[in-house]
Amino acid sequence: MQPKQLFLTFAKGEAITWTLLISALIIRAAGDPFPPIVTIAGSIHGAVFLGYAVTALLVGINQRWKFGKLALAIGLAIVPFATIPFERRLVATSALDGAWRTSKSEDPRDKSFIDGTFRWFIARPIVLLAVLLLAIPAVFAFLLFLGPPTEWFD
């Protein structure tokens, strides 16, 4: 899957799970016929959010986005449905075009540690997937341990 397809899939998934979570909150407010609905929707949304964040990071590094654009891509996932206009802007400006950078080029930026490590992992998708399959659930478990975001600073 090319960077553009991967990013657009997760951006749309992020928006869909926002819909799921907001719908669950409305159902709970209307009388809570199914108590764990917000927990289930929130967990699904949280997992997709983490997948989106990792995807935005990988695609952003691949496309050589500046730090501000990378931070914006990840930060906008916190705002309901904000990934939709952001992804449309990226498509309109061709910021998602191109293949994965698996080999070193003449670009001086390819000499950096981050680019070298990135290319190594992208050229070995099984290893990257294994690392992500360990790291993302670990982060998810840690966030579950912290509890709902509304309680983090109480």
Protein backbone atom coordinates (compact mmCIF):
# COMPACT_ATOMS: atom_id res chain seq x y z
CA MET A 1 0.00 0.00 0.00
CA GLN A 2 1.40 3.36 -1.02
CA PRO A 3 1.75 6.24 1.51
CA LYS A 4 -1.25 8.11 0.09
CA GLN A 5 -3.60 5.12 0.33
CA LEU A 6 -2.43 4.27 3.85
CA PHE A 7 -2.81 7.82 5.13
CA LEU A 8 -6.24 8.34 3.56
CA THR A 9 -7.48 5.03 4.98
CA PHE A 10 -6.50 5.98 8.52
CA ALA A 11 -7.71 9.59 8.16
CA LYS A 12 -11.14 8.35 7.10
CA GLY A 13 -11.08 5.73 9.86
CA GLU A 14 -10.33 8.46 12.39
CA ALA A 15 -13.39 10.43 11.23
CA ILE A 16 -15.60 7.33 11.26
CA THR A 17 -14.57 6.41 14.79
CA TRP A 18 -15.23 9.99 15.91
CA THR A 19 -18.78 9.49 14.62
CA LEU A 20 -18.99 6.22 16.53
CA LEU A 21 -17.73 7.80 19.76
CA ILE A 22 -19.94 10.88 19.53
CA SER A 23 -22.97 8.68 18.76
CA ALA A 24 -22.17 6.55 21.82
CA LEU A 25 -21.97 9.67 23.98
CA ILE A 26 -25.34 10.86 22.68
CA ILE A 27 -26.89 7.44 23.34
CA ARG A 28 -25.49 7.46 26.88
CA ALA A 29 -26.88 10.96 27.47
CA ALA A 30 -30.29 9.88 26.16
CA GLY A 31 -30.70 7.20 28.78
CA ASP A 32 -27.81 4.75 28.66
CA PRO A 33 -29.59 1.58 27.45
CA PHE A 34 -26.21 -0.16 27.03
CA PRO A 35 -23.74 1.02 29.72
CA PRO A 36 -20.45 -0.11 28.11
CA ILE A 37 -21.21 1.60 24.77
CA VAL A 38 -18.90 4.57 25.41
CA THR A 39 -16.11 2.29 26.61
CA ILE A 40 -16.37 0.15 23.49
CA ALA A 41 -16.61 3.12 21.10
CA GLY A 42 -13.84 4.94 22.95
CA SER A 43 -11.55 1.91 22.75
CA ILE A 44 -12.15 1.52 19.02
CA HIS A 45 -11.55 5.23 18.50
CA GLY A 46 -8.41 5.13 20.64
CA ALA A 47 -6.95 2.24 18.66
CA VAL A 48 -7.67 3.95 15.34
CA PHE A 49 -6.27 7.23 16.70
CA LEU A 50 -2.99 5.51 17.56
CA GLY A 51 -2.92 3.86 14.13
CA TYR A 52 -3.57 7.24 12.51
CA ALA A 53 -0.81 8.89 14.56
CA VAL A 54 1.72 6.22 13.57
CA THR A 55 0.60 6.40 9.94
CA ALA A 56 0.85 10.20 9.91
CA LEU A 57 4.34 9.94 11.38
CA LEU A 58 5.51 7.34 8.85
CA VAL A 59 3.96 9.10 5.87
CA GLY A 60 5.16 12.51 7.07
CA ILE A 61 8.74 11.29 7.37
CA ASN A 62 8.49 9.58 4.00
CA GLN A 63 7.12 12.73 2.34
CA ARG A 64 9.64 14.91 4.21
CA TRP A 65 7.01 17.05 5.90
CA LYS A 66 8.36 19.70 8.21
CA PHE A 67 7.90 19.15 11.93
CA GLY A 68 4.99 21.61 12.10
CA LYS A 69 3.01 19.74 9.45
CA LEU A 70 3.74 16.42 11.18
CA ALA A 71 2.60 17.79 14.53
CA LEU A 72 -0.50 19.29 12.91
CA ALA A 73 -1.36 15.98 11.22
CA ILE A 74 -1.26 14.16 14.55
CA GLY A 75 -2.77 16.99 16.61
CA LEU A 76 -5.78 17.42 14.35
CA ALA A 77 -6.91 13.90 15.22
CA ILE A 78 -7.81 15.24 18.66
CA VAL A 79 -10.41 17.54 17.09
CA PRO A 80 -13.50 15.69 15.81
CA PHE A 81 -13.48 15.37 12.01
CA ALA A 82 -10.47 17.70 11.57
CA THR A 83 -8.56 15.04 9.64
CA ILE A 84 -11.04 15.40 6.75
CA PRO A 85 -10.13 18.94 5.62
CA PHE A 86 -6.47 18.25 6.40
CA GLU A 87 -6.39 15.14 4.20
CA ARG A 88 -8.19 17.03 1.41
CA ARG A 89 -5.59 19.77 1.59
CA LEU A 90 -2.78 17.22 1.44
CA VAL A 91 -4.33 15.63 -1.65
CA ALA A 92 -4.88 19.03 -3.32
CA THR A 93 -1.25 20.03 -2.75
CA SER A 94 0.12 16.60 -3.77
CA ALA A 95 1.71 16.25 -0.32
CA LEU A 96 0.85 12.54 -0.27
CA ASP A 97 2.14 11.67 -3.75
CA GLY A 98 5.06 9.33 -4.22
CA ALA A 99 6.21 5.88 -3.24
CA TRP A 100 7.90 4.72 -0.05
CA ARG A 101 11.53 5.81 0.14
CA THR A 102 13.30 2.47 0.62
CA SER A 103 16.71 3.37 -0.79
CA LYS A 104 19.18 6.20 -0.30
CA SER A 105 19.15 8.99 -2.86
CA GLU A 106 21.44 11.93 -3.59
CA ASP A 107 19.34 14.14 -1.31
CA PRO A 108 21.58 15.30 1.58
CA ARG A 109 18.72 14.67 4.02
CA ASP A 110 19.11 10.95 3.33
CA LYS A 111 22.31 10.99 5.41
CA SER A 112 20.46 11.63 8.68
CA PHE A 113 20.00 8.93 11.30
CA ILE A 114 16.21 9.27 11.17
CA ASP A 115 16.07 8.85 7.40
CA GLY A 116 18.42 5.85 7.53
CA THR A 117 16.42 4.17 10.27
CA PHE A 118 13.19 4.99 8.49
CA ARG A 119 14.40 3.49 5.18
CA TRP A 120 15.66 0.39 6.98
CA PHE A 121 12.23 -0.25 8.52
CA ILE A 122 10.25 0.63 5.37
CA ALA A 123 12.43 -1.78 3.36
CA ARG A 124 11.56 -4.49 5.92
CA PRO A 125 7.79 -4.22 6.33
CA ILE A 126 7.52 -7.45 8.35
CA VAL A 127 9.96 -6.10 10.95
CA LEU A 128 8.17 -2.72 10.98
CA LEU A 129 4.80 -4.42 11.39
CA ALA A 130 6.14 -6.59 14.23
CA VAL A 131 7.53 -3.54 16.04
CA LEU A 132 4.25 -1.65 15.56
CA LEU A 133 2.21 -4.66 16.72
CA LEU A 134 4.20 -4.60 19.95
CA ALA A 135 4.47 -0.83 20.42
CA ILE A 136 0.90 0.28 19.62
CA PRO A 137 -0.79 -2.13 22.08
CA ALA A 138 1.78 -1.14 24.72
CA VAL A 139 0.92 2.54 24.25
CA PHE A 140 -2.80 1.67 24.19
CA ALA A 141 -2.47 -0.30 27.46
CA PHE A 142 -0.61 2.59 29.06
CA LEU A 143 -3.33 5.03 28.00
CA LEU A 144 -5.99 2.67 29.39
CA PHE A 145 -4.03 2.63 32.63
CA LEU A 146 -4.13 6.45 32.69
CA GLY A 147 -7.92 6.39 32.24
CA PRO A 148 -10.15 8.71 30.23
CA PRO A 149 -8.38 11.86 28.94
CA THR A 150 -10.79 14.01 30.96
CA GLU A 151 -9.27 12.57 34.15
CA TRP A 152 -5.58 12.91 33.27
CA PHE A 153 -5.09 16.26 34.99
CA ASP A 154 -7.43 15.88 37.97
